[in-house]
Amino acid sequence: MTAETPRRLRADAARNSEKILRAARAIYAESGPDASLEEIARRAGVGIATLYRRFPNKEELVRAALEQKITEEMSPAISGALADSDPLRALATLWEASVSFAAQERDLLGAVRDSGSLASELSEPFYEALMVVTRRAQIAGRVRADLVPDDLHRITVMLLSVLHTVQPGSAGWKRYITLMLDGLAPAQPTVLPSPEPLRQWPTRGSRPA
Protein backbone atom coordinates (compact mmCIF):
# COMPACT_ATOMS: atom_id res chain seq x y z
CA MET A 1 0.00 0.00 0.00
CA THR A 2 1.49 3.36 -1.00
CA ALA A 3 1.64 6.47 1.17
CA GLU A 4 -0.94 8.00 -1.15
CA THR A 5 -3.52 5.32 -0.33
CA PRO A 6 -3.75 6.02 3.43
CA ARG A 7 -4.03 9.72 2.72
CA ARG A 8 -6.82 9.07 0.23
CA LEU A 9 -8.62 6.84 2.73
CA ARG A 10 -8.37 9.52 5.41
CA ALA A 11 -9.69 12.13 2.98
CA ASP A 12 -12.60 9.84 2.01
CA ALA A 13 -13.40 9.26 5.68
CA ALA A 14 -13.37 13.00 6.38
CA ARG A 15 -15.69 13.66 3.44
CA ASN A 16 -18.06 10.93 4.61
CA SER A 17 -18.12 12.38 8.12
CA GLU A 18 -18.90 15.82 6.74
CA LYS A 19 -21.72 14.49 4.56
CA ILE A 20 -23.19 12.50 7.46
CA LEU A 21 -23.15 15.45 9.85
CA ARG A 22 -24.75 17.82 7.35
CA ALA A 23 -27.35 15.19 6.48
CA ALA A 24 -28.11 14.70 10.19
CA ARG A 25 -28.67 18.42 10.69
CA ALA A 26 -30.96 18.59 7.64
CA ILE A 27 -32.95 15.49 8.61
CA TYR A 28 -33.46 16.59 12.20
CA ALA A 29 -34.64 20.00 10.97
CA GLU A 30 -37.14 18.33 8.63
CA SER A 31 -38.28 15.28 10.59
CA GLY A 32 -37.62 16.15 14.24
CA PRO A 33 -35.32 14.56 16.82
CA ASP A 34 -36.67 11.02 16.35
CA ALA A 35 -35.29 10.65 12.80
CA SER A 36 -33.54 7.33 12.23
CA LEU A 37 -29.86 6.80 11.52
CA GLU A 38 -30.83 4.83 8.40
CA GLU A 39 -32.63 7.89 7.03
CA ILE A 40 -29.56 10.03 7.74
CA ALA A 41 -27.27 7.53 5.98
CA ARG A 42 -29.51 7.57 2.90
CA ARG A 43 -29.51 11.37 2.77
CA ALA A 44 -25.72 11.41 3.12
CA GLY A 45 -25.36 8.88 0.31
CA VAL A 46 -23.44 6.36 2.43
CA GLY A 47 -24.20 2.91 3.75
CA ILE A 48 -25.38 2.45 7.32
CA ALA A 49 -22.15 0.53 8.02
CA THR A 50 -20.14 3.60 7.01
CA LEU A 51 -22.21 5.77 9.33
CA TYR A 52 -21.64 3.39 12.25
CA ARG A 53 -17.89 3.28 11.56
CA ARG A 54 -17.73 7.05 11.88
CA PHE A 55 -20.37 7.42 14.62
CA PRO A 56 -21.02 4.20 16.59
CA ASN A 57 -24.28 5.48 18.11
CA LYS A 58 -26.78 8.29 17.93
CA GLU A 59 -25.26 10.06 20.93
CA GLU A 60 -21.93 10.52 19.16
CA LEU A 61 -23.59 11.54 15.91
CA VAL A 62 -25.82 14.26 17.33
CA ARG A 63 -23.04 15.57 19.54
CA ALA A 64 -20.68 15.85 16.56
CA ALA A 65 -23.42 17.55 14.52
CA LEU A 66 -23.95 20.05 17.32
CA GLU A 67 -20.21 20.69 17.58
CA GLN A 68 -20.07 21.33 13.83
CA LYS A 69 -22.92 23.85 14.07
CA ILE A 70 -21.29 25.61 17.03
CA THR A 71 -17.97 25.86 15.18
CA GLU A 72 -19.65 27.34 12.13
CA GLU A 73 -22.00 29.81 13.79
CA MET A 74 -21.44 30.34 17.51
CA SER A 75 -17.64 30.49 17.51
CA PRO A 76 -17.46 33.43 15.04
CA ALA A 77 -20.10 35.30 17.07
CA ILE A 78 -18.11 34.75 20.27
CA SER A 79 -14.89 35.93 18.63
CA GLY A 80 -16.64 38.97 17.22
CA ALA A 81 -18.15 39.90 20.57
CA LEU A 82 -14.84 39.59 22.39
CA ALA A 83 -13.19 41.84 19.80
CA ASP A 84 -15.96 44.47 19.87
CA SER A 85 -14.99 47.77 21.50
CA ASP A 86 -18.61 48.40 22.50
CA PRO A 87 -19.34 46.01 25.40
CA LEU A 88 -23.11 46.51 25.29
CA ARG A 89 -23.21 45.71 21.59
CA ALA A 90 -21.02 42.68 22.29
CA LEU A 91 -23.48 41.52 24.94
CA ALA A 92 -26.34 41.87 22.45
CA THR A 93 -24.32 39.92 19.86
CA LEU A 94 -23.84 37.00 22.23
CA TRP A 95 -27.47 36.78 23.32
CA GLU A 96 -28.75 37.18 19.77
CA ALA A 97 -26.40 34.44 18.54
CA SER A 98 -27.48 32.11 21.34
CA VAL A 99 -31.22 32.55 20.83
CA SER A 100 -30.90 32.42 17.03
CA PHE A 101 -28.89 29.21 17.31
CA ALA A 102 -31.51 27.62 19.55
CA ALA A 103 -34.31 28.73 17.21
CA GLN A 104 -32.63 27.27 14.14
CA GLU A 105 -31.48 24.04 15.73
CA ARG A 106 -34.40 23.24 18.02
CA ASP A 107 -34.71 19.67 16.72
CA LEU A 108 -30.97 19.00 16.77
CA LEU A 109 -30.86 20.13 20.39
CA GLY A 110 -33.87 17.90 21.04
CA ALA A 111 -32.00 14.97 19.50
CA VAL A 112 -29.03 15.70 21.77
CA ARG A 113 -31.28 15.64 24.81
CA ASP A 114 -33.10 12.51 23.66
CA SER A 115 -29.84 10.66 23.03
CA GLY A 116 -28.70 11.30 26.60
CA SER A 117 -25.61 13.15 25.38
CA LEU A 118 -24.25 15.61 27.90
CA ALA A 119 -23.37 18.67 25.87
CA SER A 120 -23.35 21.32 28.61
CA GLU A 121 -19.60 21.82 28.31
CA LEU A 122 -20.11 22.89 24.68
CA SER A 123 -21.74 26.06 26.02
CA GLU A 124 -18.78 26.96 28.26
CA PRO A 125 -17.05 29.25 25.70
CA PHE A 126 -20.31 31.16 25.30
CA TYR A 127 -20.77 31.71 29.02
CA GLU A 128 -17.10 32.61 29.50
CA ALA A 129 -17.40 35.25 26.78
CA LEU A 130 -20.70 36.45 28.25
CA MET A 131 -19.01 37.04 31.61
CA VAL A 132 -16.06 38.83 30.00
CA VAL A 133 -18.16 41.28 27.98
CA THR A 134 -20.55 41.86 30.89
CA ARG A 135 -17.61 42.75 33.11
CA ARG A 136 -16.37 45.17 30.45
CA ALA A 137 -19.83 46.73 30.30
CA GLN A 138 -19.87 47.08 34.09
CA ILE A 139 -16.45 48.77 34.10
CA ALA A 140 -17.67 51.13 31.37
CA GLY A 141 -20.76 51.96 33.44
CA ARG A 142 -23.11 50.54 30.79
CA VAL A 143 -24.50 47.67 32.91
CA ARG A 144 -25.45 47.62 36.57
CA ALA A 145 -22.53 46.66 38.80
CA ASP A 146 -24.33 44.11 40.98
CA LEU A 147 -24.82 41.45 38.29
CA VAL A 148 -23.15 38.14 39.10
CA PRO A 149 -22.31 35.19 36.79
CA ASP A 150 -25.33 33.14 37.90
CA ASP A 151 -27.56 36.03 36.83
CA LEU A 152 -26.19 35.69 33.30
CA HIS A 153 -27.08 31.99 33.20
CA ARG A 154 -30.61 32.68 34.36
CA ILE A 155 -31.13 35.62 32.01
CA THR A 156 -29.97 33.49 29.08
CA VAL A 157 -32.44 30.74 30.01
CA MET A 158 -35.19 33.36 30.28
CA LEU A 159 -34.39 34.68 26.81
CA LEU A 160 -34.32 31.17 25.36
CA SER A 161 -37.73 30.46 26.88
CA VAL A 162 -39.21 33.23 24.72
CA LEU A 163 -38.86 30.87 21.74
CA HIS A 164 -41.78 28.84 23.08
CA THR A 165 -44.03 31.90 22.83
CA VAL A 166 -43.26 33.16 19.30
CA GLN A 167 -43.99 31.71 15.90
CA PRO A 168 -41.28 29.37 14.59
CA GLY A 169 -39.05 31.21 12.14
CA SER A 170 -40.01 34.66 13.42
CA ALA A 171 -37.61 37.14 14.99
CA GLY A 172 -40.05 38.15 17.72
CA TRP A 173 -37.52 37.11 20.35
CA LYS A 174 -35.27 40.08 19.49
CA ARG A 175 -37.70 42.43 21.25
CA TYR A 176 -36.92 40.78 24.57
CA ILE A 177 -33.17 41.04 24.18
CA THR A 178 -33.64 44.78 23.71
CA LEU A 179 -35.89 44.94 26.77
CA MET A 180 -33.37 42.96 28.80
CA LEU A 181 -30.46 45.19 27.81
CA ASP A 182 -32.48 48.28 28.71
CA GLY A 183 -33.36 46.66 32.03
CA LEU A 184 -29.70 46.07 32.83
CA ALA A 185 -28.82 49.74 32.50
CA PRO A 186 -27.41 51.18 35.73
CA ALA A 187 -29.68 54.26 35.86
CA GLN A 188 -31.41 54.23 39.25
CA PRO A 189 -31.50 50.46 39.61
CA THR A 190 -33.57 48.74 42.26
CA VAL A 191 -31.41 46.97 44.83
CA LEU A 192 -31.46 43.26 44.02
CA PRO A 193 -32.01 40.53 46.63
CA SER A 194 -28.91 38.48 47.41
CA PRO A 195 -28.14 35.98 44.64
CA GLU A 196 -28.65 32.28 45.24
CA PRO A 197 -26.37 29.51 43.91
CA LEU A 198 -27.32 28.31 40.45
CA ARG A 199 -29.59 25.26 40.68
CA GLN A 200 -28.57 22.52 38.25
CA TRP A 201 -31.37 20.97 36.22
CA PRO A 202 -31.82 17.23 36.90
CA THR A 203 -30.14 14.94 34.42
CA ARG A 204 -31.97 12.19 32.50
CA GLY A 205 -33.17 9.46 34.83
CA SER A 206 -32.67 11.45 38.03
CA ARG A 207 -35.22 13.12 40.24
CA PRO A 208 -35.17 16.76 41.32
CA ALA A 209 -33.81 17.26 44.81
C-alpha atoms as a PDB file:
ATOM      1  CA  MET A   1       0.000   0.000   0.000  1.00  0.00           C
ATOM      2  CA  THR A   2       1.493   3.364  -1.002  1.00  0.00           C
ATOM      3  CA  ALA A   3       1.641   6.474   1.168  1.00  0.00           C
ATOM      4  CA  GLU A   4      -0.936   7.997  -1.152  1.00  0.00           C
ATOM      5  CA  THR A   5      -3.516   5.318  -0.334  1.00  0.00           C
ATOM      6  CA  PRO A   6      -3.754   6.015   3.435  1.00  0.00           C
ATOM      7  CA  ARG A   7      -4.031   9.719   2.717  1.00  0.00           C
ATOM      8  CA  ARG A   8      -6.821   9.068   0.229  1.00  0.00           C
ATOM      9  CA  LEU A   9      -8.623   6.840   2.734  1.00  0.00           C
ATOM     10  CA  ARG A  10      -8.373   9.522   5.407  1.00  0.00           C
ATOM     11  CA  ALA A  11      -9.695  12.128   2.983  1.00  0.00           C
ATOM     12  CA  ASP A  12     -12.596   9.839   2.014  1.00  0.00           C
ATOM     13  CA  ALA A  13     -13.398   9.264   5.684  1.00  0.00           C
ATOM     14  CA  ALA A  14     -13.367  12.999   6.384  1.00  0.00           C
ATOM     15  CA  ARG A  15     -15.695  13.665   3.441  1.00  0.00           C
ATOM     16  CA  ASN A  16     -18.057  10.930   4.606  1.00  0.00           C
ATOM     17  CA  SER A  17     -18.124  12.376   8.116  1.00  0.00           C
ATOM     18  CA  GLU A  18     -18.896  15.823   6.735  1.00  0.00           C
ATOM     19  CA  LYS A  19     -21.722  14.490   4.558  1.00  0.00           C
ATOM     20  CA  ILE A  20     -23.189  12.499   7.457  1.00  0.00           C
ATOM     21  CA  LEU A  21     -23.150  15.450   9.846  1.00  0.00           C
ATOM     22  CA  ARG A  22     -24.753  17.816   7.351  1.00  0.00           C
ATOM     23  CA  ALA A  23     -27.353  15.188   6.482  1.00  0.00           C
ATOM     24  CA  ALA A  24     -28.109  14.697  10.186  1.00  0.00           C
ATOM     25  CA  ARG A  25     -28.674  18.418  10.691  1.00  0.00           C
ATOM     26  CA  ALA A  26     -30.961  18.593   7.643  1.00  0.00           C
ATOM     27  CA  ILE A  27     -32.945  15.490   8.607  1.00  0.00           C
ATOM     28  CA  TYR A  28     -33.458  16.588  12.203  1.00  0.00           C
ATOM     29  CA  ALA A  29     -34.643  20.001  10.974  1.00  0.00           C
ATOM     30  CA  GLU A  30     -37.145  18.331   8.634  1.00  0.00           C
ATOM     31  CA  SER A  31     -38.281  15.284  10.588  1.00  0.00           C
ATOM     32  CA  GLY A  32     -37.616  16.145  14.239  1.00  0.00           C
ATOM     33  CA  PRO A  33     -35.316  14.564  16.822  1.00  0.00           C
ATOM     34  CA  ASP A  34     -36.665  11.021  16.349  1.00  0.00           C
ATOM     35  CA  ALA A  35     -35.290  10.650  12.797  1.00  0.00           C
ATOM     36  CA  SER A  36     -33.542   7.327  12.228  1.00  0.00           C
ATOM     37  CA  LEU A  37     -29.864   6.800  11.523  1.00  0.00           C
ATOM     38  CA  GLU A  38     -30.830   4.834   8.397  1.00  0.00           C
ATOM     39  CA  GLU A  39     -32.630   7.894   7.032  1.00  0.00           C
ATOM     40  CA  ILE A  40     -29.557  10.033   7.735  1.00  0.00           C
ATOM     41  CA  ALA A  41     -27.270   7.533   5.981  1.00  0.00           C
ATOM     42  CA  ARG A  42     -29.509   7.567   2.904  1.00  0.00           C
ATOM     43  CA  ARG A  43     -29.515  11.367   2.773  1.00  0.00           C
ATOM     44  CA  ALA A  44     -25.717  11.413   3.115  1.00  0.00           C
ATOM     45  CA  GLY A  45     -25.357   8.876   0.305  1.00  0.00           C
ATOM     46  CA  VAL A  46     -23.443   6.363   2.434  1.00  0.00           C
ATOM     47  CA  GLY A  47     -24.203   2.910   3.746  1.00  0.00           C
ATOM     48  CA  ILE A  48     -25.378   2.451   7.316  1.00  0.00           C
ATOM     49  CA  ALA A  49     -22.154   0.531   8.017  1.00  0.00           C
ATOM     50  CA  THR A  50     -20.143   3.600   7.009  1.00  0.00           C
ATOM     51  CA  LEU A  51     -22.214   5.771   9.335  1.00  0.00           C
ATOM     52  CA  TYR A  52     -21.642   3.394  12.246  1.00  0.00           C
ATOM     53  CA  ARG A  53     -17.886   3.285  11.562  1.00  0.00           C
ATOM     54  CA  ARG A  54     -17.732   7.050  11.883  1.00  0.00           C
ATOM     55  CA  PHE A  55     -20.369   7.422  14.624  1.00  0.00           C
ATOM     56  CA  PRO A  56     -21.020   4.204  16.595  1.00  0.00           C
ATOM     57  CA  ASN A  57     -24.281   5.482  18.112  1.00  0.00           C
ATOM     58  CA  LYS A  58     -26.782   8.294  17.934  1.00  0.00           C
ATOM     59  CA  GLU A  59     -25.264  10.057  20.935  1.00  0.00           C
ATOM     60  CA  GLU A  60     -21.933  10.516  19.164  1.00  0.00           C
ATOM     61  CA  LEU A  61     -23.586  11.541  15.906  1.00  0.00           C
ATOM     62  CA  VAL A  62     -25.824  14.264  17.330  1.00  0.00           C
ATOM     63  CA  ARG A  63     -23.039  15.569  19.538  1.00  0.00           C
ATOM     64  CA  ALA A  64     -20.684  15.853  16.557  1.00  0.00           C
ATOM     65  CA  ALA A  65     -23.422  17.552  14.515  1.00  0.00           C
ATOM     66  CA  LEU A  66     -23.946  20.049  17.319  1.00  0.00           C
ATOM     67  CA  GLU A  67     -20.210  20.687  17.582  1.00  0.00           C
ATOM     68  CA  GLN A  68     -20.074  21.329  13.828  1.00  0.00           C
ATOM     69  CA  LYS A  69     -22.916  23.849  14.066  1.00  0.00           C
ATOM     70  CA  ILE A  70     -21.289  25.606  17.028  1.00  0.00           C
ATOM     71  CA  THR A  71     -17.972  25.856  15.181  1.00  0.00           C
ATOM     72  CA  GLU A  72     -19.648  27.340  12.126  1.00  0.00           C
ATOM     73  CA  GLU A  73     -21.999  29.814  13.790  1.00  0.00           C
ATOM     74  CA  MET A  74     -21.440  30.342  17.508  1.00  0.00           C
ATOM     75  CA  SER A  75     -17.644  30.491  17.510  1.00  0.00           C
ATOM     76  CA  PRO A  76     -17.464  33.428  15.042  1.00  0.00           C
ATOM     77  CA  ALA A  77     -20.100  35.302  17.066  1.00  0.00           C
ATOM     78  CA  ILE A  78     -18.112  34.748  20.267  1.00  0.00           C
ATOM     79  CA  SER A  79     -14.889  35.927  18.632  1.00  0.00           C
ATOM     80  CA  GLY A  80     -16.640  38.971  17.218  1.00  0.00           C
ATOM     81  CA  ALA A  81     -18.154  39.903  20.573  1.00  0.00           C
ATOM     82  CA  LEU A  82     -14.837  39.585  22.389  1.00  0.00           C
ATOM     83  CA  ALA A  83     -13.188  41.843  19.796  1.00  0.00           C
ATOM     84  CA  ASP A  84     -15.960  44.468  19.871  1.00  0.00           C
ATOM     85  CA  SER A  85     -14.987  47.766  21.501  1.00  0.00           C
ATOM     86  CA  ASP A  86     -18.610  48.401  22.504  1.00  0.00           C
ATOM     87  CA  PRO A  87     -19.345  46.009  25.399  1.00  0.00           C
ATOM     88  CA  LEU A  88     -23.109  46.509  25.291  1.00  0.00           C
ATOM     89  CA  ARG A  89     -23.207  45.710  21.592  1.00  0.00           C
ATOM     90  CA  ALA A  90     -21.015  42.679  22.292  1.00  0.00           C
ATOM     91  CA  LEU A  91     -23.477  41.523  24.944  1.00  0.00           C
ATOM     92  CA  ALA A  92     -26.338  41.873  22.455  1.00  0.00           C
ATOM     93  CA  THR A  93     -24.323  39.920  19.864  1.00  0.00           C
ATOM     94  CA  LEU A  94     -23.840  36.997  22.229  1.00  0.00           C
ATOM     95  CA  TRP A  95     -27.465  36.779  23.318  1.00  0.00           C
ATOM     96  CA  GLU A  96     -28.748  37.175  19.767  1.00  0.00           C
ATOM     97  CA  ALA A  97     -26.398  34.442  18.542  1.00  0.00           C
ATOM     98  CA  SER A  98     -27.483  32.115  21.341  1.00  0.00           C
ATOM     99  CA  VAL A  99     -31.224  32.548  20.832  1.00  0.00           C
ATOM    100  CA  SER A 100     -30.903  32.425  17.034  1.00  0.00           C
ATOM    101  CA  PHE A 101     -28.891  29.214  17.314  1.00  0.00           C
ATOM    102  CA  ALA A 102     -31.514  27.621  19.554  1.00  0.00           C
ATOM    103  CA  ALA A 103     -34.313  28.735  17.208  1.00  0.00           C
ATOM    104  CA  GLN A 104     -32.631  27.274  14.136  1.00  0.00           C
ATOM    105  CA  GLU A 105     -31.477  24.037  15.730  1.00  0.00           C
ATOM    106  CA  ARG A 106     -34.400  23.240  18.016  1.00  0.00           C
ATOM    107  CA  ASP A 107     -34.711  19.671  16.719  1.00  0.00           C
ATOM    108  CA  LEU A 108     -30.969  19.005  16.766  1.00  0.00           C
ATOM    109  CA  LEU A 109     -30.858  20.135  20.386  1.00  0.00           C
ATOM    110  CA  GLY A 110     -33.866  17.904  21.038  1.00  0.00           C
ATOM    111  CA  ALA A 111     -31.998  14.975  19.495  1.00  0.00           C
ATOM    112  CA  VAL A 112     -29.031  15.703  21.768  1.00  0.00           C
ATOM    113  CA  ARG A 113     -31.284  15.643  24.808  1.00  0.00           C
ATOM    114  CA  ASP A 114     -33.100  12.507  23.657  1.00  0.00           C
ATOM    115  CA  SER A 115     -29.840  10.658  23.034  1.00  0.00           C
ATOM    116  CA  GLY A 116     -28.700  11.305  26.605  1.00  0.00           C
ATOM    117  CA  SER A 117     -25.613  13.147  25.376  1.00  0.00           C
ATOM    118  CA  LEU A 118     -24.254  15.609  27.903  1.00  0.00           C
ATOM    119  CA  ALA A 119     -23.365  18.673  25.865  1.00  0.00           C
ATOM    120  CA  SER A 120     -23.354  21.316  28.613  1.00  0.00           C
ATOM    121  CA  GLU A 121     -19.602  21.819  28.312  1.00  0.00           C
ATOM    122  CA  LEU A 122     -20.113  22.885  24.683  1.00  0.00           C
ATOM    123  CA  SER A 123     -21.743  26.064  26.020  1.00  0.00           C
ATOM    124  CA  GLU A 124     -18.781  26.955  28.261  1.00  0.00           C
ATOM    125  CA  PRO A 125     -17.052  29.245  25.699  1.00  0.00           C
ATOM    126  CA  PHE A 126     -20.312  31.156  25.295  1.00  0.00           C
ATOM    127  CA  TYR A 127     -20.766  31.715  29.022  1.00  0.00           C
ATOM    128  CA  GLU A 128     -17.099  32.611  29.495  1.00  0.00           C
ATOM    129  CA  ALA A 129     -17.404  35.254  26.779  1.00  0.00           C
ATOM    130  CA  LEU A 130     -20.699  36.455  28.251  1.00  0.00           C
ATOM    131  CA  MET A 131     -19.008  37.041  31.609  1.00  0.00           C
ATOM    132  CA  VAL A 132     -16.060  38.830  29.995  1.00  0.00           C
ATOM    133  CA  VAL A 133     -18.164  41.282  27.977  1.00  0.00           C
ATOM    134  CA  THR A 134     -20.546  41.865  30.891  1.00  0.00           C
ATOM    135  CA  ARG A 135     -17.605  42.754  33.107  1.00  0.00           C
ATOM    136  CA  ARG A 136     -16.366  45.171  30.454  1.00  0.00           C
ATOM    137  CA  ALA A 137     -19.827  46.733  30.297  1.00  0.00           C
ATOM    138  CA  GLN A 138     -19.867  47.075  34.091  1.00  0.00           C
ATOM    139  CA  ILE A 139     -16.450  48.770  34.099  1.00  0.00           C
ATOM    140  CA  ALA A 140     -17.671  51.129  31.373  1.00  0.00           C
ATOM    141  CA  GLY A 141     -20.762  51.960  33.444  1.00  0.00           C
ATOM    142  CA  ARG A 142     -23.115  50.540  30.793  1.00  0.00           C
ATOM    143  CA  VAL A 143     -24.500  47.673  32.905  1.00  0.00           C
ATOM    144  CA  ARG A 144     -25.446  47.624  36.567  1.00  0.00           C
ATOM    145  CA  ALA A 145     -22.527  46.657  38.803  1.00  0.00           C
ATOM    146  CA  ASP A 146     -24.326  44.111  40.977  1.00  0.00           C
ATOM    147  CA  LEU A 147     -24.823  41.453  38.287  1.00  0.00           C
ATOM    148  CA  VAL A 148     -23.153  38.137  39.104  1.00  0.00           C
ATOM    149  CA  PRO A 149     -22.311  35.187  36.794  1.00  0.00           C
ATOM    150  CA  ASP A 150     -25.331  33.142  37.900  1.00  0.00           C
ATOM    151  CA  ASP A 151     -27.564  36.033  36.829  1.00  0.00           C
ATOM    152  CA  LEU A 152     -26.188  35.688  33.298  1.00  0.00           C
ATOM    153  CA  HIS A 153     -27.076  31.988  33.198  1.00  0.00           C
ATOM    154  CA  ARG A 154     -30.612  32.675  34.359  1.00  0.00           C
ATOM    155  CA  ILE A 155     -31.127  35.621  32.009  1.00  0.00           C
ATOM    156  CA  THR A 156     -29.972  33.490  29.080  1.00  0.00           C
ATOM    157  CA  VAL A 157     -32.445  30.742  30.014  1.00  0.00           C
ATOM    158  CA  MET A 158     -35.186  33.358  30.280  1.00  0.00           C
ATOM    159  CA  LEU A 159     -34.386  34.675  26.807  1.00  0.00           C
ATOM    160  CA  LEU A 160     -34.322  31.174  25.357  1.00  0.00           C
ATOM    161  CA  SER A 161     -37.731  30.462  26.878  1.00  0.00           C
ATOM    162  CA  VAL A 162     -39.210  33.228  24.723  1.00  0.00           C
ATOM    163  CA  LEU A 163     -38.855  30.865  21.742  1.00  0.00           C
ATOM    164  CA  HIS A 164     -41.785  28.838  23.082  1.00  0.00           C
ATOM    165  CA  THR A 165     -44.031  31.901  22.831  1.00  0.00           C
ATOM    166  CA  VAL A 166     -43.263  33.158  19.303  1.00  0.00           C
ATOM    167  CA  GLN A 167     -43.987  31.711  15.903  1.00  0.00           C
ATOM    168  CA  PRO A 168     -41.277  29.365  14.591  1.00  0.00           C
ATOM    169  CA  GLY A 169     -39.046  31.209  12.141  1.00  0.00           C
ATOM    170  CA  SER A 170     -40.007  34.662  13.421  1.00  0.00           C
ATOM    171  CA  ALA A 171     -37.606  37.143  14.988  1.00  0.00           C
ATOM    172  CA  GLY A 172     -40.054  38.145  17.719  1.00  0.00           C
ATOM    173  CA  TRP A 173     -37.524  37.108  20.354  1.00  0.00           C
ATOM    174  CA  LYS A 174     -35.272  40.085  19.488  1.00  0.00           C
ATOM    175  CA  ARG A 175     -37.695  42.430  21.248  1.00  0.00           C
ATOM    176  CA  TYR A 176     -36.917  40.776  24.572  1.00  0.00           C
ATOM    177  CA  ILE A 177     -33.170  41.039  24.183  1.00  0.00           C
ATOM    178  CA  THR A 178     -33.641  44.780  23.713  1.00  0.00           C
ATOM    179  CA  LEU A 179     -35.895  44.942  26.771  1.00  0.00           C
ATOM    180  CA  MET A 180     -33.371  42.955  28.800  1.00  0.00           C
ATOM    181  CA  LEU A 181     -30.464  45.191  27.814  1.00  0.00           C
ATOM    182  CA  ASP A 182     -32.479  48.283  28.710  1.00  0.00           C
ATOM    183  CA  GLY A 183     -33.363  46.659  32.028  1.00  0.00           C
ATOM    184  CA  LEU A 184     -29.701  46.067  32.831  1.00  0.00           C
ATOM    185  CA  ALA A 185     -28.817  49.743  32.504  1.00  0.00           C
ATOM    186  CA  PRO A 186     -27.414  51.184  35.734  1.00  0.00           C
ATOM    187  CA  ALA A 187     -29.682  54.262  35.860  1.00  0.00           C
ATOM    188  CA  GLN A 188     -31.410  54.232  39.250  1.00  0.00           C
ATOM    189  CA  PRO A 189     -31.505  50.459  39.609  1.00  0.00           C
ATOM    190  CA  THR A 190     -33.566  48.742  42.261  1.00  0.00           C
ATOM    191  CA  VAL A 191     -31.415  46.965  44.835  1.00  0.00           C
ATOM    192  CA  LEU A 192     -31.457  43.265  44.020  1.00  0.00           C
ATOM    193  CA  PRO A 193     -32.011  40.528  46.628  1.00  0.00           C
ATOM    194  CA  SER A 194     -28.912  38.482  47.415  1.00  0.00           C
ATOM    195  CA  PRO A 195     -28.139  35.982  44.637  1.00  0.00           C
ATOM    196  CA  GLU A 196     -28.651  32.275  45.243  1.00  0.00           C
ATOM    197  CA  PRO A 197     -26.372  29.509  43.907  1.00  0.00           C
ATOM    198  CA  LEU A 198     -27.325  28.311  40.451  1.00  0.00           C
ATOM    199  CA  ARG A 199     -29.588  25.256  40.683  1.00  0.00           C
ATOM    200  CA  GLN A 200     -28.574  22.524  38.254  1.00  0.00           C
ATOM    201  CA  TRP A 201     -31.366  20.969  36.217  1.00  0.00           C
ATOM    202  CA  PRO A 202     -31.822  17.235  36.900  1.00  0.00           C
ATOM    203  CA  THR A 203     -30.139  14.945  34.417  1.00  0.00           C
ATOM    204  CA  ARG A 204     -31.974  12.190  32.499  1.00  0.00           C
ATOM    205  CA  GLY A 205     -33.166   9.465  34.832  1.00  0.00           C
ATOM    206  CA  SER A 206     -32.673  11.452  38.026  1.00  0.00           C
ATOM    207  CA  ARG A 207     -35.225  13.117  40.244  1.00  0.00           C
ATOM    208  CA  PRO A 208     -35.165  16.761  41.320  1.00  0.00           C
ATOM    209  CA  ALA A 209     -33.810  17.259  44.815  1.00  0.00           C
END
